[in-house]
Amino acid sequence: MADPGSPSDDAGLEAGRLLFARPWRFLAGVATVAGLPAPDGVEVAFAGRSNVGKSSLINALTGQKALARTSNTPGRTRELNLFGAEAGLILVDLPGYGYARAAKKDAAAWQKMAFAYVRGRSNLRRVYLLVDARHGLKAADMEALDLLDKAAVSTQIVLTKCDKLQPDAVESTRAAVVAAIAKRPAAHPEVLATSARTAAGLAALKAEIASLR
């Protein structure tokens, strides 16, 4: 049972449900940090390796199959994509890192833009770092965590694609990630396990996000 007042208690789960029951819409896609709208309300961002499932997770959270563009091609998200629901909250889909079917200089430019956003956005409350449950933390993820620690940005790891593993394997990955981030100053200690396909873990994630407003 969750502790009273925690995001995962009944009230927190209901707050998350109501927040994401609103009609969400695409707000903007920007190619440079300078093109971002003025900070307004609360922003949470989704980061992760290319093809980890950021867009799929955003679509599952908002209940809209095509709100965020998904692709089987790693590196398809090349802009900072912003989504809102007139609720004082904006979701930001960051370009993936680690691999892209593009020139290395282009991939580096996208990643530089994403991390400039993380360092400089005053209304950014948390970065949700998505990690494929089948693979766990990779070197590129550790580099991202280093940068987020330096930026002092609250970071919470979300395991994705958990439906592709048996429950005991998911828990093994979760335990390994928890141990790996234990001494990181910016890392939230709780690691969430989710599946965009089955909706597993989405209620807890919605509650966490709702608690940040």
N, C-alpha and C. Protein backbone atom coordinates (compact mmCIF):
# COMPACT_ATOMS: atom_id res chain seq x y z
N MET A 1 0.84 -1.19 0.00
CA MET A 1 0.00 0.00 0.00
C MET A 1 0.88 1.25 0.00
N ALA A 2 0.48 2.22 -0.78
CA ALA A 2 1.26 3.46 -0.84
C ALA A 2 1.09 4.27 0.43
N ASP A 3 2.13 5.04 0.78
CA ASP A 3 2.03 5.94 1.92
C ASP A 3 1.01 7.03 1.62
N PRO A 4 0.16 7.41 2.61
CA PRO A 4 -0.79 8.49 2.38
C PRO A 4 -0.07 9.75 1.93
N GLY A 5 -0.61 10.38 0.89
CA GLY A 5 -0.02 11.61 0.38
C GLY A 5 1.03 11.39 -0.69
N SER A 6 1.43 10.14 -0.94
CA SER A 6 2.40 9.87 -2.00
C SER A 6 1.69 9.90 -3.34
N PRO A 7 2.43 10.14 -4.45
CA PRO A 7 1.77 10.20 -5.75
C PRO A 7 0.99 8.94 -6.11
N SER A 8 1.39 7.79 -5.54
CA SER A 8 0.74 6.54 -5.92
C SER A 8 -0.40 6.14 -4.98
N ASP A 9 -0.79 7.04 -4.04
CA ASP A 9 -1.96 6.71 -3.24
C ASP A 9 -3.21 6.96 -4.08
N ASP A 10 -4.40 6.66 -3.51
CA ASP A 10 -5.63 6.77 -4.29
C ASP A 10 -5.87 8.18 -4.82
N ALA A 11 -5.61 9.17 -3.98
CA ALA A 11 -5.82 10.55 -4.41
C ALA A 11 -4.84 10.93 -5.52
N GLY A 12 -3.60 10.48 -5.39
CA GLY A 12 -2.61 10.77 -6.42
C GLY A 12 -2.94 10.10 -7.73
N LEU A 13 -3.38 8.85 -7.67
CA LEU A 13 -3.76 8.14 -8.88
C LEU A 13 -4.94 8.81 -9.57
N GLU A 14 -5.89 9.29 -8.78
CA GLU A 14 -7.04 9.98 -9.37
C GLU A 14 -6.63 11.30 -10.00
N ALA A 15 -5.72 12.02 -9.35
CA ALA A 15 -5.23 13.28 -9.91
C ALA A 15 -4.55 13.03 -11.25
N GLY A 16 -3.78 11.97 -11.32
CA GLY A 16 -3.13 11.63 -12.57
C GLY A 16 -4.11 11.23 -13.65
N ARG A 17 -5.13 10.48 -13.28
CA ARG A 17 -6.15 10.06 -14.25
C ARG A 17 -6.87 11.27 -14.83
N LEU A 18 -7.26 12.19 -13.95
CA LEU A 18 -7.99 13.38 -14.41
C LEU A 18 -7.12 14.26 -15.29
N LEU A 19 -5.85 14.40 -14.92
CA LEU A 19 -4.95 15.24 -15.71
C LEU A 19 -4.84 14.72 -17.14
N PHE A 20 -4.67 13.42 -17.29
CA PHE A 20 -4.45 12.87 -18.63
C PHE A 20 -5.74 12.50 -19.34
N ALA A 21 -6.90 12.70 -18.67
CA ALA A 21 -8.18 12.52 -19.35
C ALA A 21 -8.55 13.75 -20.18
N ARG A 22 -7.80 14.83 -20.00
CA ARG A 22 -8.06 16.06 -20.77
C ARG A 22 -7.67 15.85 -22.23
N PRO A 23 -8.21 16.69 -23.12
CA PRO A 23 -7.81 16.59 -24.53
C PRO A 23 -6.44 17.22 -24.76
N TRP A 24 -5.46 16.39 -25.05
CA TRP A 24 -4.10 16.86 -25.30
C TRP A 24 -3.93 17.20 -26.77
N ARG A 25 -3.04 18.15 -27.05
CA ARG A 25 -2.81 18.56 -28.44
C ARG A 25 -1.32 18.89 -28.65
N PHE A 26 -0.92 18.79 -29.89
CA PHE A 26 0.44 19.19 -30.27
C PHE A 26 0.53 20.71 -30.24
N LEU A 27 1.56 21.24 -29.57
CA LEU A 27 1.72 22.68 -29.47
C LEU A 27 2.75 23.23 -30.45
N ALA A 28 3.90 22.59 -30.52
CA ALA A 28 4.97 23.11 -31.38
C ALA A 28 6.08 22.10 -31.51
N GLY A 29 6.79 22.18 -32.62
CA GLY A 29 8.02 21.45 -32.82
C GLY A 29 9.09 22.47 -33.16
N VAL A 30 10.14 22.52 -32.38
CA VAL A 30 11.16 23.55 -32.59
C VAL A 30 12.52 22.90 -32.83
N ALA A 31 13.26 23.50 -33.74
CA ALA A 31 14.55 22.95 -34.14
C ALA A 31 15.71 23.53 -33.35
N THR A 32 15.46 24.61 -32.59
CA THR A 32 16.49 25.23 -31.77
C THR A 32 15.89 25.64 -30.44
N VAL A 33 16.72 25.71 -29.42
CA VAL A 33 16.24 26.14 -28.11
C VAL A 33 15.71 27.56 -28.19
N ALA A 34 16.31 28.39 -29.04
CA ALA A 34 15.85 29.78 -29.19
C ALA A 34 14.43 29.85 -29.72
N GLY A 35 13.97 28.79 -30.39
CA GLY A 35 12.62 28.78 -30.94
C GLY A 35 11.55 28.36 -29.96
N LEU A 36 11.93 28.01 -28.74
CA LEU A 36 10.95 27.60 -27.75
C LEU A 36 10.06 28.77 -27.33
N PRO A 37 8.80 28.49 -26.99
CA PRO A 37 7.97 29.55 -26.43
C PRO A 37 8.49 29.97 -25.06
N ALA A 38 8.06 31.14 -24.60
CA ALA A 38 8.48 31.60 -23.28
C ALA A 38 8.04 30.60 -22.23
N PRO A 39 8.85 30.35 -21.20
CA PRO A 39 8.46 29.40 -20.15
C PRO A 39 7.12 29.79 -19.51
N ASP A 40 6.22 28.82 -19.43
CA ASP A 40 4.89 29.08 -18.88
C ASP A 40 4.35 27.78 -18.30
N GLY A 41 3.97 27.81 -17.04
CA GLY A 41 3.49 26.60 -16.41
C GLY A 41 4.63 25.65 -16.10
N VAL A 42 4.31 24.37 -16.02
CA VAL A 42 5.29 23.34 -15.67
C VAL A 42 5.56 22.47 -16.89
N GLU A 43 6.83 22.17 -17.12
CA GLU A 43 7.21 21.25 -18.19
C GLU A 43 7.87 20.01 -17.61
N VAL A 44 7.56 18.87 -18.20
CA VAL A 44 8.29 17.63 -17.93
C VAL A 44 8.74 17.09 -19.28
N ALA A 45 9.94 16.54 -19.32
CA ALA A 45 10.51 16.10 -20.58
C ALA A 45 10.76 14.59 -20.56
N PHE A 46 10.71 14.01 -21.75
CA PHE A 46 10.97 12.58 -21.93
C PHE A 46 12.22 12.43 -22.78
N ALA A 47 13.22 11.76 -22.22
CA ALA A 47 14.50 11.56 -22.90
C ALA A 47 14.79 10.07 -22.96
N GLY A 48 15.73 9.70 -23.82
CA GLY A 48 16.12 8.30 -23.88
C GLY A 48 16.82 7.98 -25.19
N ARG A 49 17.36 6.77 -25.27
CA ARG A 49 18.02 6.35 -26.49
C ARG A 49 17.01 6.29 -27.63
N SER A 50 17.52 6.44 -28.85
CA SER A 50 16.66 6.34 -30.02
C SER A 50 15.91 5.02 -30.02
N ASN A 51 14.62 5.10 -30.32
CA ASN A 51 13.74 3.93 -30.42
C ASN A 51 13.43 3.28 -29.09
N VAL A 52 13.59 4.03 -27.98
CA VAL A 52 13.26 3.47 -26.66
C VAL A 52 11.76 3.52 -26.40
N GLY A 53 11.02 4.32 -27.18
CA GLY A 53 9.57 4.35 -27.04
C GLY A 53 9.02 5.62 -26.42
N LYS A 54 9.73 6.75 -26.58
CA LYS A 54 9.24 8.01 -25.98
C LYS A 54 7.90 8.42 -26.56
N SER A 55 7.81 8.43 -27.90
CA SER A 55 6.57 8.87 -28.54
C SER A 55 5.42 7.92 -28.22
N SER A 56 5.70 6.63 -28.21
CA SER A 56 4.66 5.65 -27.89
C SER A 56 4.16 5.84 -26.47
N LEU A 57 5.05 6.14 -25.54
CA LEU A 57 4.64 6.34 -24.16
C LEU A 57 3.79 7.60 -24.02
N ILE A 58 4.17 8.68 -24.70
CA ILE A 58 3.37 9.90 -24.65
C ILE A 58 1.98 9.65 -25.22
N ASN A 59 1.89 8.91 -26.31
CA ASN A 59 0.59 8.59 -26.88
C ASN A 59 -0.25 7.75 -25.91
N ALA A 60 0.39 6.81 -25.24
CA ALA A 60 -0.35 5.96 -24.29
C ALA A 60 -0.81 6.77 -23.09
N LEU A 61 0.02 7.67 -22.59
CA LEU A 61 -0.36 8.49 -21.44
C LEU A 61 -1.56 9.37 -21.77
N THR A 62 -1.57 9.94 -22.95
CA THR A 62 -2.63 10.89 -23.32
C THR A 62 -3.83 10.22 -23.96
N GLY A 63 -3.73 8.92 -24.23
CA GLY A 63 -4.85 8.21 -24.83
C GLY A 63 -5.09 8.57 -26.27
N GLN A 64 -4.05 9.06 -26.95
CA GLN A 64 -4.18 9.45 -28.36
C GLN A 64 -3.12 8.71 -29.17
N LYS A 65 -3.57 7.92 -30.13
CA LYS A 65 -2.66 7.03 -30.85
C LYS A 65 -1.64 7.76 -31.70
N ALA A 66 -1.96 8.96 -32.15
CA ALA A 66 -1.07 9.63 -33.09
C ALA A 66 -0.68 11.04 -32.65
N LEU A 67 -0.79 11.34 -31.35
CA LEU A 67 -0.41 12.68 -30.88
C LEU A 67 1.08 12.91 -31.13
N ALA A 68 1.91 11.99 -30.65
CA ALA A 68 3.35 12.06 -30.90
C ALA A 68 3.67 11.10 -32.04
N ARG A 69 4.48 11.54 -32.96
CA ARG A 69 4.81 10.74 -34.13
C ARG A 69 5.73 9.61 -33.73
N THR A 70 5.35 8.39 -34.09
CA THR A 70 6.18 7.22 -33.78
C THR A 70 6.78 6.67 -35.07
N SER A 71 7.87 5.96 -34.92
CA SER A 71 8.54 5.37 -36.08
C SER A 71 9.38 4.20 -35.63
N ASN A 72 9.55 3.23 -36.52
CA ASN A 72 10.46 2.13 -36.26
C ASN A 72 11.90 2.49 -36.60
N THR A 73 12.08 3.70 -37.15
CA THR A 73 13.42 4.15 -37.53
C THR A 73 14.04 4.94 -36.39
N PRO A 74 15.10 4.46 -35.77
CA PRO A 74 15.74 5.22 -34.69
C PRO A 74 16.17 6.60 -35.16
N GLY A 75 16.00 7.58 -34.28
CA GLY A 75 16.44 8.93 -34.60
C GLY A 75 15.42 9.74 -35.37
N ARG A 76 14.17 9.29 -35.45
CA ARG A 76 13.18 9.99 -36.26
C ARG A 76 12.78 11.33 -35.62
N THR A 77 12.72 11.39 -34.29
CA THR A 77 12.39 12.65 -33.62
C THR A 77 13.60 13.57 -33.68
N ARG A 78 13.48 14.65 -34.45
CA ARG A 78 14.62 15.54 -34.66
C ARG A 78 14.39 16.93 -34.08
N GLU A 79 13.26 17.15 -33.45
CA GLU A 79 12.95 18.44 -32.87
C GLU A 79 12.55 18.25 -31.41
N LEU A 80 12.44 19.36 -30.70
CA LEU A 80 11.79 19.35 -29.40
C LEU A 80 10.30 19.49 -29.67
N ASN A 81 9.53 18.47 -29.36
CA ASN A 81 8.10 18.48 -29.62
C ASN A 81 7.34 18.69 -28.32
N LEU A 82 6.46 19.69 -28.31
CA LEU A 82 5.73 20.09 -27.11
C LEU A 82 4.25 19.76 -27.26
N PHE A 83 3.68 19.22 -26.16
CA PHE A 83 2.28 18.84 -26.13
C PHE A 83 1.64 19.42 -24.87
N GLY A 84 0.39 19.91 -24.98
CA GLY A 84 -0.27 20.51 -23.83
C GLY A 84 -1.74 20.17 -23.77
N ALA A 85 -2.35 20.48 -22.60
CA ALA A 85 -3.76 20.16 -22.41
C ALA A 85 -4.48 21.24 -21.63
N GLU A 86 -3.99 22.47 -21.68
CA GLU A 86 -4.60 23.58 -20.94
C GLU A 86 -4.75 23.23 -19.46
N ALA A 87 -3.71 22.61 -18.93
CA ALA A 87 -3.73 22.18 -17.54
C ALA A 87 -2.51 22.68 -16.78
N GLY A 88 -1.83 23.66 -17.35
CA GLY A 88 -0.63 24.17 -16.71
C GLY A 88 0.54 23.22 -16.79
N LEU A 89 0.48 22.26 -17.73
CA LEU A 89 1.53 21.25 -17.87
C LEU A 89 1.82 21.05 -19.34
N ILE A 90 3.11 20.98 -19.68
CA ILE A 90 3.54 20.70 -21.04
C ILE A 90 4.46 19.49 -21.02
N LEU A 91 4.22 18.56 -21.93
CA LEU A 91 5.09 17.40 -22.12
C LEU A 91 6.03 17.70 -23.28
N VAL A 92 7.30 17.39 -23.10
CA VAL A 92 8.31 17.67 -24.13
C VAL A 92 8.98 16.36 -24.54
N ASP A 93 8.89 16.04 -25.82
CA ASP A 93 9.51 14.85 -26.38
C ASP A 93 10.86 15.27 -26.96
N LEU A 94 11.95 14.80 -26.35
CA LEU A 94 13.30 15.18 -26.77
C LEU A 94 13.84 14.23 -27.83
N PRO A 95 14.70 14.72 -28.71
CA PRO A 95 15.34 13.81 -29.68
C PRO A 95 16.10 12.70 -28.98
N GLY A 96 16.03 11.52 -29.55
CA GLY A 96 16.74 10.39 -28.96
C GLY A 96 18.24 10.52 -29.12
N TYR A 97 18.96 9.81 -28.28
CA TYR A 97 20.42 9.82 -28.36
C TYR A 97 20.92 8.40 -28.55
N GLY A 98 22.18 8.28 -28.91
CA GLY A 98 22.80 6.96 -28.97
C GLY A 98 22.90 6.36 -30.35
N TYR A 99 21.92 6.66 -31.22
CA TYR A 99 21.95 6.11 -32.57
C TYR A 99 20.94 6.85 -33.42
N ALA A 100 21.32 7.10 -34.67
CA ALA A 100 20.37 7.68 -35.61
C ALA A 100 20.85 7.39 -37.01
N ARG A 101 19.92 7.13 -37.92
CA ARG A 101 20.28 6.93 -39.32
C ARG A 101 20.44 8.30 -39.98
N ALA A 102 21.48 8.96 -39.60
CA ALA A 102 21.78 10.28 -40.13
C ALA A 102 23.27 10.51 -39.94
N ALA A 103 23.77 11.56 -40.56
CA ALA A 103 25.18 11.90 -40.38
C ALA A 103 25.45 12.13 -38.90
N LYS A 104 26.64 11.73 -38.45
CA LYS A 104 26.98 11.87 -37.04
C LYS A 104 26.89 13.32 -36.58
N LYS A 105 27.27 14.25 -37.47
CA LYS A 105 27.21 15.66 -37.08
C LYS A 105 25.78 16.12 -36.85
N ASP A 106 24.82 15.56 -37.63
CA ASP A 106 23.42 15.92 -37.45
C ASP A 106 22.89 15.36 -36.13
N ALA A 107 23.23 14.09 -35.85
CA ALA A 107 22.79 13.49 -34.60
C ALA A 107 23.35 14.25 -33.41
N ALA A 108 24.62 14.63 -33.50
CA ALA A 108 25.25 15.39 -32.42
C ALA A 108 24.56 16.73 -32.22
N ALA A 109 24.16 17.36 -33.31
CA ALA A 109 23.48 18.66 -33.22
C ALA A 109 22.14 18.52 -32.52
N TRP A 110 21.37 17.46 -32.85
CA TRP A 110 20.08 17.25 -32.20
C TRP A 110 20.26 17.04 -30.70
N GLN A 111 21.27 16.22 -30.36
CA GLN A 111 21.49 15.92 -28.95
C GLN A 111 21.98 17.16 -28.20
N LYS A 112 22.82 17.97 -28.82
CA LYS A 112 23.28 19.20 -28.20
C LYS A 112 22.11 20.13 -27.92
N MET A 113 21.16 20.19 -28.86
CA MET A 113 19.97 21.01 -28.68
C MET A 113 19.15 20.51 -27.49
N ALA A 114 18.96 19.20 -27.41
CA ALA A 114 18.15 18.64 -26.34
C ALA A 114 18.76 18.92 -24.98
N PHE A 115 20.07 18.78 -24.88
CA PHE A 115 20.71 18.97 -23.59
C PHE A 115 20.84 20.45 -23.24
N ALA A 116 20.89 21.33 -24.25
CA ALA A 116 20.84 22.76 -23.98
C ALA A 116 19.49 23.13 -23.37
N TYR A 117 18.44 22.48 -23.85
CA TYR A 117 17.10 22.69 -23.28
C TYR A 117 17.07 22.25 -21.82
N VAL A 118 17.61 21.09 -21.54
CA VAL A 118 17.60 20.56 -20.17
C VAL A 118 18.33 21.50 -19.21
N ARG A 119 19.46 22.02 -19.64
CA ARG A 119 20.26 22.88 -18.78
C ARG A 119 19.62 24.25 -18.56
N GLY A 120 18.90 24.74 -19.57
CA GLY A 120 18.50 26.14 -19.51
C GLY A 120 17.03 26.43 -19.32
N ARG A 121 16.17 25.43 -19.25
CA ARG A 121 14.72 25.68 -19.19
C ARG A 121 14.29 25.87 -17.74
N SER A 122 13.89 27.07 -17.39
CA SER A 122 13.64 27.41 -15.99
C SER A 122 12.41 26.72 -15.41
N ASN A 123 11.43 26.36 -16.25
CA ASN A 123 10.20 25.75 -15.74
C ASN A 123 10.18 24.24 -15.90
N LEU A 124 11.34 23.64 -16.21
CA LEU A 124 11.44 22.19 -16.32
C LEU A 124 11.50 21.58 -14.93
N ARG A 125 10.52 20.78 -14.59
CA ARG A 125 10.46 20.20 -13.26
C ARG A 125 11.12 18.83 -13.18
N ARG A 126 11.04 18.06 -14.25
CA ARG A 126 11.64 16.72 -14.20
C ARG A 126 11.88 16.21 -15.61
N VAL A 127 12.95 15.42 -15.74
CA VAL A 127 13.21 14.66 -16.96
C VAL A 127 12.93 13.20 -16.66
N TYR A 128 12.07 12.60 -17.45
CA TYR A 128 11.83 11.16 -17.36
C TYR A 128 12.75 10.48 -18.37
N LEU A 129 13.73 9.76 -17.85
CA LEU A 129 14.71 9.09 -18.71
C LEU A 129 14.23 7.68 -18.98
N LEU A 130 13.86 7.41 -20.21
CA LEU A 130 13.30 6.12 -20.57
C LEU A 130 14.41 5.13 -20.91
N VAL A 131 14.26 3.92 -20.39
CA VAL A 131 15.25 2.86 -20.58
C VAL A 131 14.51 1.59 -20.98
N ASP A 132 14.92 0.97 -22.07
CA ASP A 132 14.32 -0.28 -22.53
C ASP A 132 14.58 -1.36 -21.48
N ALA A 133 13.51 -1.95 -20.96
CA ALA A 133 13.65 -2.94 -19.89
C ALA A 133 14.44 -4.16 -20.34
N ARG A 134 14.47 -4.43 -21.64
CA ARG A 134 15.19 -5.60 -22.14
C ARG A 134 16.70 -5.41 -22.10
N HIS A 135 17.14 -4.16 -22.06
CA HIS A 135 18.57 -3.89 -22.18
C HIS A 135 19.17 -3.22 -20.95
N GLY A 136 18.36 -2.56 -20.13
CA GLY A 136 18.87 -1.86 -18.97
C GLY A 136 19.69 -0.64 -19.36
N LEU A 137 20.42 -0.11 -18.40
CA LEU A 137 21.22 1.09 -18.64
C LEU A 137 22.40 0.78 -19.55
N LYS A 138 22.58 1.62 -20.57
CA LYS A 138 23.70 1.52 -21.49
C LYS A 138 24.63 2.70 -21.27
N ALA A 139 25.78 2.68 -21.94
CA ALA A 139 26.77 3.74 -21.76
C ALA A 139 26.18 5.11 -22.09
N ALA A 140 25.37 5.18 -23.14
CA ALA A 140 24.77 6.46 -23.52
C ALA A 140 23.82 6.97 -22.44
N ASP A 141 23.13 6.05 -21.76
CA ASP A 141 22.25 6.45 -20.66
C ASP A 141 23.06 7.00 -19.49
N MET A 142 24.17 6.38 -19.21
CA MET A 142 25.02 6.85 -18.11
C MET A 142 25.56 8.24 -18.42
N GLU A 143 25.90 8.49 -19.68
CA GLU A 143 26.36 9.82 -20.07
C GLU A 143 25.24 10.85 -19.89
N ALA A 144 24.02 10.46 -20.25
CA ALA A 144 22.89 11.36 -20.06
C ALA A 144 22.66 11.64 -18.58
N LEU A 145 22.79 10.63 -17.74
CA LEU A 145 22.63 10.82 -16.31
C LEU A 145 23.72 11.73 -15.74
N ASP A 146 24.94 11.61 -16.27
CA ASP A 146 26.01 12.51 -15.84
C ASP A 146 25.64 13.96 -16.12
N LEU A 147 25.15 14.21 -17.32
CA LEU A 147 24.78 15.58 -17.70
C LEU A 147 23.63 16.09 -16.83
N LEU A 148 22.64 15.25 -16.57
CA LEU A 148 21.50 15.66 -15.76
C LEU A 148 21.92 15.93 -14.32
N ASP A 149 22.88 15.17 -13.82
CA ASP A 149 23.42 15.45 -12.49
C ASP A 149 24.08 16.82 -12.46
N LYS A 150 24.88 17.11 -13.50
CA LYS A 150 25.57 18.40 -13.56
C LYS A 150 24.59 19.56 -13.67
N ALA A 151 23.49 19.31 -14.38
CA ALA A 151 22.48 20.35 -14.54
C ALA A 151 21.56 20.45 -13.34
N ALA A 152 21.68 19.51 -12.40
CA ALA A 152 20.83 19.47 -11.20
C ALA A 152 19.35 19.44 -11.56
N VAL A 153 19.03 18.63 -12.57
CA VAL A 153 17.65 18.47 -13.01
C VAL A 153 17.09 17.17 -12.44
N SER A 154 15.98 17.24 -11.74
CA SER A 154 15.35 16.05 -11.20
C SER A 154 15.09 15.05 -12.33
N THR A 155 15.53 13.82 -12.11
CA THR A 155 15.46 12.79 -13.15
C THR A 155 14.85 11.52 -12.57
N GLN A 156 13.91 10.94 -13.30
CA GLN A 156 13.34 9.67 -12.88
C GLN A 156 13.39 8.70 -14.04
N ILE A 157 13.88 7.50 -13.78
CA ILE A 157 13.99 6.49 -14.83
C ILE A 157 12.68 5.72 -14.96
N VAL A 158 12.28 5.55 -16.21
CA VAL A 158 11.07 4.79 -16.54
C VAL A 158 11.47 3.65 -17.47
N LEU A 159 11.26 2.43 -17.04
CA LEU A 159 11.51 1.29 -17.91
C LEU A 159 10.36 1.17 -18.90
N THR A 160 10.69 0.95 -20.17
CA THR A 160 9.69 0.80 -21.21
C THR A 160 9.69 -0.63 -21.76
N LYS A 161 8.62 -0.95 -22.49
CA LYS A 161 8.50 -2.24 -23.19
C LYS A 161 8.55 -3.42 -22.23
N CYS A 162 8.01 -3.23 -21.03
CA CYS A 162 8.07 -4.28 -20.01
C CYS A 162 7.19 -5.48 -20.36
N ASP A 163 6.27 -5.30 -21.29
CA ASP A 163 5.43 -6.42 -21.72
C ASP A 163 6.23 -7.47 -22.48
N LYS A 164 7.42 -7.12 -22.91
CA LYS A 164 8.25 -8.04 -23.68
C LYS A 164 9.10 -8.94 -22.79
N LEU A 165 8.96 -8.79 -21.47
CA LEU A 165 9.72 -9.59 -20.52
C LEU A 165 8.79 -10.25 -19.51
N GLN A 166 9.27 -11.32 -18.91
CA GLN A 166 8.55 -11.91 -17.79
C GLN A 166 8.68 -10.99 -16.57
N PRO A 167 7.71 -11.00 -15.66
CA PRO A 167 7.75 -10.11 -14.50
C PRO A 167 9.04 -10.20 -13.69
N ASP A 168 9.57 -11.40 -13.52
CA ASP A 168 10.80 -11.52 -12.72
C ASP A 168 11.98 -10.87 -13.42
N ALA A 169 12.00 -10.91 -14.75
CA ALA A 169 13.07 -10.25 -15.50
C ALA A 169 12.95 -8.74 -15.40
N VAL A 170 11.72 -8.23 -15.41
CA VAL A 170 11.50 -6.78 -15.23
C VAL A 170 12.02 -6.35 -13.87
N GLU A 171 11.70 -7.12 -12.84
CA GLU A 171 12.14 -6.77 -11.49
C GLU A 171 13.65 -6.84 -11.36
N SER A 172 14.27 -7.78 -12.06
CA SER A 172 15.72 -7.87 -12.04
C SER A 172 16.35 -6.63 -12.67
N THR A 173 15.79 -6.18 -13.79
CA THR A 173 16.29 -4.97 -14.43
C THR A 173 16.08 -3.77 -13.55
N ARG A 174 14.89 -3.69 -12.94
CA ARG A 174 14.59 -2.57 -12.06
C ARG A 174 15.58 -2.51 -10.90
N ALA A 175 15.85 -3.65 -10.29
CA ALA A 175 16.78 -3.68 -9.15
C ALA A 175 18.17 -3.24 -9.57
N ALA A 176 18.61 -3.66 -10.75
CA ALA A 176 19.93 -3.28 -11.23
C ALA A 176 20.01 -1.78 -11.48
N VAL A 177 18.94 -1.20 -12.02
CA VAL A 177 18.92 0.24 -12.28
C VAL A 177 18.91 1.02 -10.97
N VAL A 178 18.09 0.59 -10.02
CA VAL A 178 18.03 1.25 -8.71
C VAL A 178 19.41 1.28 -8.07
N ALA A 179 20.12 0.17 -8.14
CA ALA A 179 21.46 0.10 -7.55
C ALA A 179 22.42 1.04 -8.28
N ALA A 180 22.29 1.13 -9.60
CA ALA A 180 23.20 1.93 -10.41
C ALA A 180 23.03 3.43 -10.18
N ILE A 181 21.83 3.86 -9.80
CA ILE A 181 21.57 5.30 -9.64
C ILE A 181 21.56 5.74 -8.18
N ALA A 182 21.84 4.82 -7.28
CA ALA A 182 21.65 5.08 -5.85
C ALA A 182 22.40 6.31 -5.35
N LYS A 183 23.57 6.58 -5.89
CA LYS A 183 24.37 7.70 -5.40
C LYS A 183 24.34 8.91 -6.32
N ARG A 184 23.44 8.91 -7.28
CA ARG A 184 23.35 10.06 -8.19
C ARG A 184 22.47 11.14 -7.57
N PRO A 185 22.97 12.36 -7.45
CA PRO A 185 22.23 13.40 -6.72
C PRO A 185 20.93 13.83 -7.36
N ALA A 186 20.81 13.74 -8.70
CA ALA A 186 19.60 14.23 -9.36
C ALA A 186 18.57 13.13 -9.59
N ALA A 187 18.93 11.88 -9.30
CA ALA A 187 18.07 10.76 -9.65
C ALA A 187 17.02 10.48 -8.58
N HIS A 188 15.77 10.42 -9.00
CA HIS A 188 14.68 9.99 -8.12
C HIS A 188 14.90 8.51 -7.79
N PRO A 189 14.72 8.11 -6.54
CA PRO A 189 15.05 6.72 -6.19
C PRO A 189 14.11 5.67 -6.74
N GLU A 190 12.87 6.05 -7.08
CA GLU A 190 11.91 5.06 -7.57
C GLU A 190 12.01 4.92 -9.08
N VAL A 191 12.14 3.69 -9.55
CA VAL A 191 12.19 3.39 -10.97
C VAL A 191 10.85 2.76 -11.35
N LEU A 192 10.19 3.37 -12.33
CA LEU A 192 8.87 2.90 -12.76
C LEU A 192 8.99 1.94 -13.93
N ALA A 193 8.16 0.91 -13.95
CA ALA A 193 8.13 -0.07 -15.03
C ALA A 193 6.83 0.10 -15.81
N THR A 194 6.92 0.28 -17.12
CA THR A 194 5.74 0.57 -17.92
C THR A 194 5.70 -0.23 -19.22
N SER A 195 4.52 -0.23 -19.81
CA SER A 195 4.34 -0.75 -21.16
C SER A 195 3.31 0.12 -21.86
N ALA A 196 3.70 0.74 -22.96
CA ALA A 196 2.75 1.53 -23.73
C ALA A 196 1.70 0.62 -24.37
N ARG A 197 2.05 -0.62 -24.66
CA ARG A 197 1.11 -1.52 -25.33
C ARG A 197 0.02 -2.02 -24.38
N THR A 198 0.38 -2.38 -23.15
CA THR A 198 -0.60 -2.94 -22.22
C THR A 198 -1.10 -1.93 -21.19
N ALA A 199 -0.48 -0.76 -21.13
CA ALA A 199 -0.80 0.30 -20.15
C ALA A 199 -0.30 -0.02 -18.75
N ALA A 200 0.47 -1.07 -18.60
CA ALA A 200 1.04 -1.39 -17.28
C ALA A 200 1.90 -0.24 -16.79
N GLY A 201 1.72 0.16 -15.54
CA GLY A 201 2.53 1.20 -14.92
C GLY A 201 2.17 2.62 -15.30
N LEU A 202 1.25 2.81 -16.22
CA LEU A 202 0.94 4.16 -16.67
C LEU A 202 0.23 4.98 -15.60
N ALA A 203 -0.62 4.34 -14.80
CA ALA A 203 -1.33 5.07 -13.75
C ALA A 203 -0.35 5.67 -12.75
N ALA A 204 0.67 4.90 -12.37
CA ALA A 204 1.67 5.40 -11.43
C ALA A 204 2.47 6.54 -12.03
N LEU A 205 2.80 6.44 -13.32
CA LEU A 205 3.54 7.51 -13.99
C LEU A 205 2.69 8.77 -14.08
N LYS A 206 1.43 8.62 -14.42
CA LYS A 206 0.53 9.78 -14.46
C LYS A 206 0.46 10.47 -13.10
N ALA A 207 0.39 9.69 -12.04
CA ALA A 207 0.33 10.25 -10.69
C ALA A 207 1.60 11.00 -10.36
N GLU A 208 2.75 10.45 -10.73
CA GLU A 208 4.03 11.15 -10.50
C GLU A 208 4.05 12.49 -11.21
N ILE A 209 3.63 12.50 -12.46
CA ILE A 209 3.64 13.74 -13.23
C ILE A 209 2.67 14.75 -12.64
N ALA A 210 1.49 14.30 -12.26
CA ALA A 210 0.49 15.20 -11.68
C ALA A 210 1.00 15.84 -10.39
N SER A 211 1.80 15.12 -9.64
CA SER A 211 2.31 15.63 -8.35
C SER A 211 3.32 16.76 -8.54
N LEU A 212 3.82 16.95 -9.74
CA LEU A 212 4.83 17.97 -10.00
C LEU A 212 4.23 19.35 -10.28
N ARG A 213 2.95 19.41 -10.49
CA ARG A 213 2.33 20.70 -10.84
C ARG A 213 2.19 21.59 -9.62
